[in-house]
Every structure is written in structure tokens, then in C-alpha cells.
Amino acid sequence: MTGDEFASLLSDFTLSAESGDGAGFADHFTEDAVYHDYIYGPHRGRADIAHMMQNLFHRDATDYRWEMFDPVFDGRQGYAWSLSSFTSTIPQFKGRRVVIDGMSRFIVRDGLIAEYRESVNGGVAMTQLGVEPARMEKVFRRWTGWLSERPETQDYLARPKGSRAKRQ
């Protein structure tokens, strides 16, 4: 896959996310892919990824937009920053518009996404929604757990300062 093909994949990927078509969105992933969502957690396999997009995200949001910028790709993994926005349909936050920026990492295999991770300042989204501080703390603790449990984080913390992980 070339850089231009990766950029095209990202455009198709985000357009399908906007559409709410879970199966169409999941078609951008390998059968064994993992999608690490900062709100809904990890989802494994196409069926679970389709469920997350169609039955969780599009249940909780409308008017969804997502655009990737400045994609870079080295033949195996790619990165892009994004802007996304939505209007909440969650009763407590119904009608509140949210816009966030994020950074995404894609591991690509055979032209499909094998792993997706995102880094988003979710506090910005929660502030726009009007989430109560106690609830924010609960969410931040969950995110802290996800970060702490990652093998990459554990490996990083186990190595002495000045050392570097071996490249794959």
C-alpha cells in the first residue's frame, strides 16, 4: 500500500463511520482486527467493530463528522490527526454539539486495518457535554487503567531511563 492508497483508505474509513453503516465500516478491517475506542473500549473482530459503530456510537450521537489530515504511512503503520464532531443523543446531554481533535494510529495488513488506536483529549468532549466532575473522574480512572494495562506501557515502565524499545 502506498501513502496515497493509505490516504484513500482513511477517507473511505471516515465516510463509512459517518454513515452509521456498521458492516461497511467493519469491512475496512481484517477479520481479527482490534479497534481501541477511547469511549467504548476495545472491540475485536469485524462483528464487534460493526456493533460498536452502528449500535453504540450511532445510538449515542447524530450529525457525526470525521475527517483525517496529514496522513503518513511507512508500508505497515500509519498516522493521521483528525477533527470529529457530533451531537449527543444521550438523554442527559441531548442536543449538545461536541468537536474534538485526535491522533490515530493504524496497523495495516493486506490493505486492511489490523489495529486502530486513537489518542483524544476526552476531557474536552466531556466539558462540551457538561459532564459532572465526579463522572469525569470515573472515566479518567478507567482510561488510566487501560493505559497502565497495555503491554507497551508495562514494557516502557520496566526499562531504565535512556533505554529504548527494540523496533519491530
N, C-alpha and C. Protein backbone atom coordinates (compact mmCIF):
# COMPACT_ATOMS: atom_id res chain seq x y z
N MET A 1 0.84 -1.18 0.00
CA MET A 1 0.00 0.00 0.00
C MET A 1 0.89 1.24 0.00
N THR A 2 0.55 2.18 -0.82
CA THR A 2 1.29 3.43 -0.91
C THR A 2 0.68 4.47 0.05
N GLY A 3 1.36 5.58 0.19
CA GLY A 3 0.83 6.66 1.01
C GLY A 3 -0.49 7.19 0.47
N ASP A 4 -0.60 7.30 -0.85
CA ASP A 4 -1.86 7.76 -1.45
C ASP A 4 -2.98 6.76 -1.23
N GLU A 5 -2.66 5.48 -1.31
CA GLU A 5 -3.67 4.45 -1.04
C GLU A 5 -4.10 4.48 0.42
N PHE A 6 -3.16 4.74 1.32
CA PHE A 6 -3.50 4.87 2.74
C PHE A 6 -4.43 6.06 2.96
N ALA A 7 -4.13 7.18 2.34
CA ALA A 7 -4.99 8.36 2.45
C ALA A 7 -6.40 8.06 1.94
N SER A 8 -6.49 7.30 0.85
CA SER A 8 -7.79 6.91 0.31
C SER A 8 -8.53 5.99 1.28
N LEU A 9 -7.80 5.05 1.89
CA LEU A 9 -8.39 4.16 2.89
C LEU A 9 -8.98 4.99 4.04
N LEU A 10 -8.24 5.99 4.50
CA LEU A 10 -8.73 6.82 5.61
C LEU A 10 -9.97 7.60 5.22
N SER A 11 -10.02 8.10 3.99
CA SER A 11 -11.19 8.83 3.54
C SER A 11 -12.41 7.91 3.52
N ASP A 12 -12.25 6.72 2.95
CA ASP A 12 -13.36 5.75 2.91
C ASP A 12 -13.77 5.33 4.33
N PHE A 13 -12.78 5.12 5.18
CA PHE A 13 -12.98 4.71 6.58
C PHE A 13 -13.84 5.74 7.32
N THR A 14 -13.47 7.02 7.21
CA THR A 14 -14.20 8.05 7.94
C THR A 14 -15.59 8.29 7.34
N LEU A 15 -15.71 8.23 6.02
CA LEU A 15 -17.03 8.39 5.40
C LEU A 15 -17.97 7.27 5.83
N SER A 16 -17.45 6.04 5.93
CA SER A 16 -18.31 4.94 6.37
C SER A 16 -18.67 5.09 7.84
N ALA A 17 -17.76 5.63 8.66
CA ALA A 17 -18.08 5.88 10.06
C ALA A 17 -19.20 6.91 10.16
N GLU A 18 -19.12 7.95 9.34
CA GLU A 18 -20.16 8.98 9.34
C GLU A 18 -21.52 8.42 8.96
N SER A 19 -21.53 7.45 8.07
CA SER A 19 -22.80 6.91 7.54
C SER A 19 -23.57 6.10 8.58
N GLY A 20 -22.87 5.54 9.55
CA GLY A 20 -23.53 4.68 10.53
C GLY A 20 -23.71 3.25 10.09
N ASP A 21 -23.19 2.91 8.91
CA ASP A 21 -23.26 1.54 8.40
C ASP A 21 -22.16 0.72 9.06
N GLY A 22 -22.52 0.00 10.10
CA GLY A 22 -21.53 -0.77 10.86
C GLY A 22 -20.80 -1.80 10.03
N ALA A 23 -21.52 -2.54 9.21
CA ALA A 23 -20.88 -3.57 8.39
C ALA A 23 -19.93 -2.94 7.37
N GLY A 24 -20.34 -1.85 6.75
CA GLY A 24 -19.48 -1.15 5.80
C GLY A 24 -18.23 -0.61 6.47
N PHE A 25 -18.39 -0.09 7.67
CA PHE A 25 -17.24 0.39 8.44
C PHE A 25 -16.30 -0.77 8.76
N ALA A 26 -16.86 -1.87 9.23
CA ALA A 26 -16.06 -3.03 9.63
C ALA A 26 -15.32 -3.66 8.45
N ASP A 27 -15.82 -3.47 7.23
CA ASP A 27 -15.15 -4.02 6.04
C ASP A 27 -13.76 -3.42 5.83
N HIS A 28 -13.44 -2.33 6.50
CA HIS A 28 -12.10 -1.73 6.39
C HIS A 28 -11.08 -2.44 7.27
N PHE A 29 -11.52 -3.45 8.02
CA PHE A 29 -10.68 -4.13 9.00
C PHE A 29 -10.46 -5.60 8.63
N THR A 30 -9.34 -6.14 9.09
CA THR A 30 -9.10 -7.57 8.95
C THR A 30 -10.09 -8.32 9.85
N GLU A 31 -10.27 -9.60 9.59
CA GLU A 31 -11.19 -10.41 10.39
C GLU A 31 -10.83 -10.39 11.88
N ASP A 32 -9.53 -10.32 12.19
CA ASP A 32 -9.07 -10.39 13.59
C ASP A 32 -8.67 -9.02 14.15
N ALA A 33 -9.10 -7.96 13.51
CA ALA A 33 -8.70 -6.60 13.90
C ALA A 33 -9.17 -6.25 15.31
N VAL A 34 -8.46 -5.27 15.88
CA VAL A 34 -8.85 -4.69 17.17
C VAL A 34 -8.98 -3.18 16.97
N TYR A 35 -10.11 -2.64 17.40
CA TYR A 35 -10.38 -1.20 17.36
C TYR A 35 -10.41 -0.74 18.81
N HIS A 36 -9.47 0.10 19.19
CA HIS A 36 -9.40 0.63 20.56
C HIS A 36 -10.06 2.00 20.57
N ASP A 37 -11.30 2.05 21.05
CA ASP A 37 -12.04 3.30 21.09
C ASP A 37 -11.91 3.93 22.48
N TYR A 38 -11.70 5.24 22.53
CA TYR A 38 -11.44 5.89 23.80
C TYR A 38 -12.70 6.00 24.67
N ILE A 39 -13.86 5.82 24.11
CA ILE A 39 -15.09 5.83 24.90
C ILE A 39 -15.59 4.41 25.16
N TYR A 40 -15.67 3.61 24.13
CA TYR A 40 -16.30 2.30 24.24
C TYR A 40 -15.33 1.16 24.47
N GLY A 41 -14.04 1.45 24.54
CA GLY A 41 -13.04 0.43 24.82
C GLY A 41 -12.67 -0.38 23.58
N PRO A 42 -11.96 -1.48 23.81
CA PRO A 42 -11.51 -2.30 22.67
C PRO A 42 -12.64 -3.18 22.11
N HIS A 43 -12.61 -3.31 20.79
CA HIS A 43 -13.56 -4.19 20.09
C HIS A 43 -12.77 -5.05 19.13
N ARG A 44 -13.04 -6.36 19.17
CA ARG A 44 -12.25 -7.33 18.42
C ARG A 44 -13.09 -8.01 17.35
N GLY A 45 -12.56 -8.02 16.13
CA GLY A 45 -13.24 -8.68 15.03
C GLY A 45 -14.26 -7.78 14.36
N ARG A 46 -14.55 -8.11 13.12
CA ARG A 46 -15.46 -7.26 12.34
C ARG A 46 -16.84 -7.11 12.95
N ALA A 47 -17.41 -8.21 13.46
CA ALA A 47 -18.77 -8.14 14.01
C ALA A 47 -18.82 -7.20 15.20
N ASP A 48 -17.83 -7.27 16.07
CA ASP A 48 -17.80 -6.42 17.26
C ASP A 48 -17.55 -4.96 16.88
N ILE A 49 -16.68 -4.73 15.90
CA ILE A 49 -16.40 -3.37 15.42
C ILE A 49 -17.66 -2.78 14.78
N ALA A 50 -18.36 -3.57 13.99
CA ALA A 50 -19.61 -3.11 13.37
C ALA A 50 -20.63 -2.76 14.45
N HIS A 51 -20.74 -3.60 15.45
CA HIS A 51 -21.67 -3.35 16.56
C HIS A 51 -21.33 -2.03 17.26
N MET A 52 -20.04 -1.81 17.55
CA MET A 52 -19.63 -0.58 18.23
C MET A 52 -20.06 0.65 17.43
N MET A 53 -19.77 0.64 16.15
CA MET A 53 -20.07 1.82 15.33
C MET A 53 -21.58 2.03 15.18
N GLN A 54 -22.28 0.99 14.82
CA GLN A 54 -23.70 1.13 14.49
C GLN A 54 -24.59 1.19 15.73
N ASN A 55 -24.33 0.34 16.72
CA ASN A 55 -25.25 0.20 17.84
C ASN A 55 -24.84 0.93 19.11
N LEU A 56 -23.60 1.38 19.18
CA LEU A 56 -23.18 2.17 20.33
C LEU A 56 -23.00 3.63 19.92
N PHE A 57 -22.04 3.87 19.01
CA PHE A 57 -21.75 5.26 18.67
C PHE A 57 -22.95 5.95 18.04
N HIS A 58 -23.52 5.34 17.02
CA HIS A 58 -24.64 6.00 16.34
C HIS A 58 -25.94 5.93 17.15
N ARG A 59 -25.95 5.16 18.22
CA ARG A 59 -27.06 5.23 19.18
C ARG A 59 -26.94 6.51 20.02
N ASP A 60 -25.68 6.87 20.35
CA ASP A 60 -25.41 7.97 21.28
C ASP A 60 -25.14 9.30 20.60
N ALA A 61 -25.05 9.33 19.27
CA ALA A 61 -24.69 10.56 18.57
C ALA A 61 -25.38 10.64 17.22
N THR A 62 -25.54 11.87 16.77
CA THR A 62 -26.06 12.13 15.44
C THR A 62 -25.22 13.25 14.82
N ASP A 63 -25.46 13.54 13.56
CA ASP A 63 -24.71 14.59 12.85
C ASP A 63 -23.20 14.35 12.94
N TYR A 64 -22.79 13.09 12.86
CA TYR A 64 -21.39 12.74 13.04
C TYR A 64 -20.56 13.10 11.81
N ARG A 65 -19.44 13.75 12.05
CA ARG A 65 -18.45 14.06 11.00
C ARG A 65 -17.09 13.63 11.52
N TRP A 66 -16.23 13.18 10.58
CA TRP A 66 -14.88 12.76 10.96
C TRP A 66 -13.99 12.93 9.74
N GLU A 67 -12.93 13.68 9.89
CA GLU A 67 -12.01 13.91 8.78
C GLU A 67 -10.58 13.76 9.26
N MET A 68 -9.77 13.03 8.47
CA MET A 68 -8.36 12.81 8.76
C MET A 68 -7.51 13.78 7.95
N PHE A 69 -6.41 14.24 8.56
CA PHE A 69 -5.50 15.18 7.93
C PHE A 69 -4.06 14.68 8.02
N ASP A 70 -3.25 15.09 7.06
CA ASP A 70 -1.80 14.85 7.08
C ASP A 70 -1.41 13.39 7.33
N PRO A 71 -2.02 12.45 6.61
CA PRO A 71 -1.68 11.05 6.85
C PRO A 71 -0.23 10.74 6.44
N VAL A 72 0.40 9.90 7.22
CA VAL A 72 1.73 9.38 6.89
C VAL A 72 1.67 7.87 7.02
N PHE A 73 2.43 7.18 6.16
CA PHE A 73 2.36 5.72 6.12
C PHE A 73 3.71 5.17 5.71
N ASP A 74 4.18 4.15 6.43
CA ASP A 74 5.50 3.58 6.14
C ASP A 74 5.44 2.19 5.51
N GLY A 75 4.25 1.77 5.08
CA GLY A 75 4.10 0.46 4.48
C GLY A 75 3.50 -0.57 5.44
N ARG A 76 3.57 -0.30 6.74
CA ARG A 76 2.99 -1.18 7.76
C ARG A 76 2.08 -0.43 8.72
N GLN A 77 2.50 0.76 9.10
CA GLN A 77 1.67 1.53 10.02
C GLN A 77 1.55 2.97 9.54
N GLY A 78 0.44 3.58 9.93
CA GLY A 78 0.19 4.94 9.52
C GLY A 78 -0.40 5.75 10.64
N TYR A 79 -0.29 7.06 10.49
CA TYR A 79 -0.80 8.01 11.46
C TYR A 79 -1.52 9.14 10.73
N ALA A 80 -2.48 9.74 11.42
CA ALA A 80 -3.14 10.93 10.92
C ALA A 80 -3.79 11.63 12.11
N TRP A 81 -3.89 12.96 12.02
CA TRP A 81 -4.66 13.67 13.05
C TRP A 81 -6.03 13.93 12.45
N SER A 82 -6.98 14.14 13.33
CA SER A 82 -8.35 14.28 12.84
C SER A 82 -9.13 15.32 13.62
N LEU A 83 -10.19 15.76 12.99
CA LEU A 83 -11.24 16.51 13.65
C LEU A 83 -12.51 15.70 13.51
N SER A 84 -13.28 15.65 14.58
CA SER A 84 -14.57 14.97 14.51
C SER A 84 -15.57 15.78 15.33
N SER A 85 -16.81 15.61 14.99
CA SER A 85 -17.87 16.32 15.70
C SER A 85 -19.15 15.49 15.65
N PHE A 86 -19.99 15.75 16.64
CA PHE A 86 -21.27 15.05 16.71
C PHE A 86 -22.19 15.83 17.64
N THR A 87 -23.46 15.47 17.59
CA THR A 87 -24.45 15.99 18.52
C THR A 87 -24.93 14.82 19.36
N SER A 88 -24.87 14.98 20.66
CA SER A 88 -25.24 13.89 21.56
C SER A 88 -26.73 13.60 21.51
N THR A 89 -27.07 12.31 21.56
CA THR A 89 -28.46 11.89 21.69
C THR A 89 -28.71 11.24 23.06
N ILE A 90 -27.67 11.19 23.89
CA ILE A 90 -27.82 10.65 25.25
C ILE A 90 -28.75 11.61 26.01
N PRO A 91 -29.80 11.10 26.61
CA PRO A 91 -30.79 12.00 27.22
C PRO A 91 -30.21 13.10 28.10
N GLN A 92 -29.25 12.78 28.93
CA GLN A 92 -28.66 13.77 29.84
C GLN A 92 -27.94 14.91 29.08
N PHE A 93 -27.45 14.60 27.87
CA PHE A 93 -26.66 15.58 27.11
C PHE A 93 -27.28 15.89 25.74
N LYS A 94 -28.52 15.49 25.56
CA LYS A 94 -29.19 15.58 24.26
C LYS A 94 -29.08 16.98 23.66
N GLY A 95 -28.65 17.00 22.38
CA GLY A 95 -28.57 18.24 21.63
C GLY A 95 -27.27 19.00 21.78
N ARG A 96 -26.39 18.55 22.65
CA ARG A 96 -25.11 19.26 22.82
C ARG A 96 -24.14 18.83 21.72
N ARG A 97 -23.57 19.83 21.07
CA ARG A 97 -22.61 19.62 19.97
C ARG A 97 -21.21 19.54 20.55
N VAL A 98 -20.44 18.60 20.04
CA VAL A 98 -19.06 18.36 20.50
C VAL A 98 -18.14 18.35 19.29
N VAL A 99 -16.99 18.99 19.42
CA VAL A 99 -15.93 18.90 18.40
C VAL A 99 -14.63 18.58 19.12
N ILE A 100 -13.88 17.62 18.60
CA ILE A 100 -12.62 17.21 19.22
C ILE A 100 -11.58 16.97 18.13
N ASP A 101 -10.33 17.03 18.54
CA ASP A 101 -9.26 16.62 17.63
C ASP A 101 -8.58 15.40 18.25
N GLY A 102 -7.95 14.63 17.39
CA GLY A 102 -7.31 13.41 17.86
C GLY A 102 -6.18 12.99 16.94
N MET A 103 -5.47 12.00 17.40
CA MET A 103 -4.39 11.39 16.64
C MET A 103 -4.68 9.90 16.57
N SER A 104 -4.58 9.35 15.37
CA SER A 104 -4.90 7.94 15.17
C SER A 104 -3.69 7.18 14.64
N ARG A 105 -3.56 5.93 15.11
CA ARG A 105 -2.51 5.03 14.61
C ARG A 105 -3.19 3.80 14.02
N PHE A 106 -2.74 3.44 12.84
CA PHE A 106 -3.29 2.30 12.12
C PHE A 106 -2.17 1.31 11.84
N ILE A 107 -2.40 0.05 12.17
CA ILE A 107 -1.53 -1.04 11.70
C ILE A 107 -2.29 -1.66 10.54
N VAL A 108 -1.64 -1.73 9.38
CA VAL A 108 -2.30 -2.19 8.17
C VAL A 108 -1.69 -3.52 7.72
N ARG A 109 -2.57 -4.44 7.34
CA ARG A 109 -2.14 -5.74 6.83
C ARG A 109 -2.99 -6.10 5.62
N ASP A 110 -2.34 -6.38 4.51
CA ASP A 110 -3.04 -6.77 3.27
C ASP A 110 -4.10 -5.73 2.86
N GLY A 111 -3.78 -4.44 3.04
CA GLY A 111 -4.66 -3.38 2.61
C GLY A 111 -5.82 -3.07 3.54
N LEU A 112 -5.87 -3.76 4.69
CA LEU A 112 -6.94 -3.56 5.66
C LEU A 112 -6.35 -3.17 7.02
N ILE A 113 -7.16 -2.57 7.86
CA ILE A 113 -6.71 -2.15 9.18
C ILE A 113 -6.74 -3.36 10.12
N ALA A 114 -5.58 -3.67 10.69
CA ALA A 114 -5.48 -4.78 11.64
C ALA A 114 -5.59 -4.29 13.08
N GLU A 115 -5.19 -3.05 13.31
CA GLU A 115 -5.31 -2.46 14.65
C GLU A 115 -5.48 -0.96 14.52
N TYR A 116 -6.40 -0.43 15.32
CA TYR A 116 -6.64 1.01 15.35
C TYR A 116 -6.57 1.48 16.79
N ARG A 117 -5.81 2.54 17.01
CA ARG A 117 -5.75 3.20 18.32
C ARG A 117 -5.91 4.69 18.10
N GLU A 118 -6.51 5.34 19.07
CA GLU A 118 -6.67 6.78 18.98
C GLU A 118 -6.27 7.43 20.29
N SER A 119 -5.80 8.64 20.17
CA SER A 119 -5.47 9.45 21.32
C SER A 119 -6.26 10.74 21.19
N VAL A 120 -7.18 10.93 22.11
CA VAL A 120 -8.10 12.07 22.07
C VAL A 120 -8.16 12.65 23.48
N ASN A 121 -8.20 13.96 23.57
CA ASN A 121 -8.41 14.58 24.88
C ASN A 121 -9.91 14.54 25.17
N GLY A 122 -10.33 13.45 25.76
CA GLY A 122 -11.74 13.26 26.04
C GLY A 122 -12.30 14.25 27.04
N GLY A 123 -11.42 14.87 27.85
CA GLY A 123 -11.89 15.89 28.78
C GLY A 123 -12.51 17.07 28.05
N VAL A 124 -11.98 17.38 26.86
CA VAL A 124 -12.54 18.47 26.05
C VAL A 124 -13.96 18.11 25.64
N ALA A 125 -14.17 16.87 25.20
CA ALA A 125 -15.51 16.43 24.80
C ALA A 125 -16.46 16.44 26.00
N MET A 126 -15.99 15.93 27.13
CA MET A 126 -16.87 15.88 28.30
C MET A 126 -17.24 17.27 28.80
N THR A 127 -16.31 18.22 28.70
CA THR A 127 -16.61 19.59 29.10
C THR A 127 -17.68 20.18 28.19
N GLN A 128 -17.60 19.92 26.90
CA GLN A 128 -18.61 20.42 25.96
C GLN A 128 -19.99 19.80 26.24
N LEU A 129 -19.97 18.54 26.68
CA LEU A 129 -21.23 17.88 27.02
C LEU A 129 -21.81 18.37 28.34
N GLY A 130 -20.95 18.86 29.24
CA GLY A 130 -21.40 19.26 30.56
C GLY A 130 -21.39 18.12 31.56
N VAL A 131 -20.48 17.17 31.37
CA VAL A 131 -20.37 16.02 32.27
C VAL A 131 -19.93 16.50 33.66
N GLU A 132 -20.55 15.97 34.68
CA GLU A 132 -20.22 16.32 36.07
C GLU A 132 -18.81 15.86 36.41
N PRO A 133 -18.08 16.65 37.22
CA PRO A 133 -16.70 16.31 37.57
C PRO A 133 -16.53 14.89 38.16
N ALA A 134 -17.43 14.44 38.99
CA ALA A 134 -17.30 13.11 39.59
C ALA A 134 -17.37 12.02 38.51
N ARG A 135 -18.23 12.22 37.54
CA ARG A 135 -18.33 11.25 36.43
C ARG A 135 -17.07 11.30 35.57
N MET A 136 -16.54 12.51 35.33
CA MET A 136 -15.29 12.63 34.59
C MET A 136 -14.17 11.86 35.28
N GLU A 137 -14.10 12.00 36.59
CA GLU A 137 -13.05 11.30 37.34
C GLU A 137 -13.17 9.79 37.15
N LYS A 138 -14.37 9.27 37.18
CA LYS A 138 -14.58 7.84 36.98
C LYS A 138 -14.07 7.41 35.59
N VAL A 139 -14.39 8.19 34.58
CA VAL A 139 -13.94 7.88 33.21
C VAL A 139 -12.42 7.98 33.12
N PHE A 140 -11.84 9.03 33.70
CA PHE A 140 -10.39 9.21 33.64
C PHE A 140 -9.68 8.05 34.34
N ARG A 141 -10.25 7.54 35.42
CA ARG A 141 -9.65 6.37 36.11
C ARG A 141 -9.71 5.14 35.21
N ARG A 142 -10.80 4.97 34.47
CA ARG A 142 -10.90 3.84 33.54
C ARG A 142 -9.83 3.96 32.46
N TRP A 143 -9.67 5.17 31.90
CA TRP A 143 -8.64 5.38 30.87
C TRP A 143 -7.25 5.14 31.44
N THR A 144 -7.02 5.55 32.67
CA THR A 144 -5.72 5.31 33.31
C THR A 144 -5.46 3.81 33.41
N GLY A 145 -6.48 3.06 33.75
CA GLY A 145 -6.33 1.60 33.82
C GLY A 145 -6.00 1.00 32.48
N TRP A 146 -6.70 1.46 31.43
CA TRP A 146 -6.41 0.95 30.08
C TRP A 146 -4.97 1.23 29.70
N LEU A 147 -4.49 2.43 29.99
CA LEU A 147 -3.11 2.79 29.66
C LEU A 147 -2.13 1.95 30.47
N SER A 148 -2.38 1.82 31.75
CA SER A 148 -1.47 1.07 32.63
C SER A 148 -1.39 -0.41 32.28
N GLU A 149 -2.49 -0.97 31.79
CA GLU A 149 -2.55 -2.40 31.48
C GLU A 149 -1.93 -2.77 30.14
N ARG A 150 -1.70 -1.79 29.28
CA ARG A 150 -1.15 -2.09 27.96
C ARG A 150 0.25 -2.68 28.07
N PRO A 151 0.54 -3.74 27.33
CA PRO A 151 1.88 -4.32 27.36
C PRO A 151 2.97 -3.31 27.00
N GLU A 152 2.67 -2.40 26.06
CA GLU A 152 3.66 -1.39 25.67
C GLU A 152 4.00 -0.48 26.85
N THR A 153 2.98 -0.13 27.64
CA THR A 153 3.20 0.73 28.81
C THR A 153 4.02 -0.02 29.85
N GLN A 154 3.67 -1.26 30.10
CA GLN A 154 4.40 -2.04 31.10
C GLN A 154 5.85 -2.24 30.69
N ASP A 155 6.09 -2.50 29.40
CA ASP A 155 7.46 -2.65 28.91
C ASP A 155 8.22 -1.34 29.07
N TYR A 156 7.60 -0.23 28.71
CA TYR A 156 8.22 1.10 28.83
C TYR A 156 8.62 1.38 30.28
N LEU A 157 7.72 1.13 31.21
CA LEU A 157 8.00 1.42 32.61
C LEU A 157 9.05 0.47 33.21
N ALA A 158 9.17 -0.73 32.65
CA ALA A 158 10.14 -1.70 33.17
C ALA A 158 11.57 -1.40 32.71
N ARG A 159 11.70 -0.65 31.62
CA ARG A 159 13.04 -0.34 31.11
C ARG A 159 13.63 0.87 31.83
N PRO A 160 14.95 0.87 32.00
CA PRO A 160 15.57 2.04 32.65
C PRO A 160 15.57 3.26 31.75
N LYS A 161 15.61 4.43 32.38
CA LYS A 161 15.70 5.69 31.65
C LYS A 161 16.88 5.64 30.70
N GLY A 162 16.68 6.15 29.50
CA GLY A 162 17.73 6.17 28.48
C GLY A 162 17.72 4.98 27.57
N SER A 163 17.03 3.91 27.95
CA SER A 163 16.94 2.73 27.08
C SER A 163 15.80 2.95 26.10
N ARG A 164 15.80 2.20 25.04
CA ARG A 164 14.77 2.31 24.04
C ARG A 164 14.25 0.91 23.68
N ALA A 165 12.97 0.85 23.32
CA ALA A 165 12.38 -0.42 22.90
C ALA A 165 13.00 -0.82 21.57
N LYS A 166 13.10 -2.11 21.35
CA LYS A 166 13.60 -2.62 20.07
C LYS A 166 12.52 -2.46 19.03
N ARG A 167 12.93 -1.97 17.86
CA ARG A 167 11.97 -1.80 16.75
C ARG A 167 11.59 -3.15 16.18
N GLN A 168 10.35 -3.24 15.77
CA GLN A 168 9.86 -4.49 15.17
C GLN A 168 10.04 -4.45 13.68
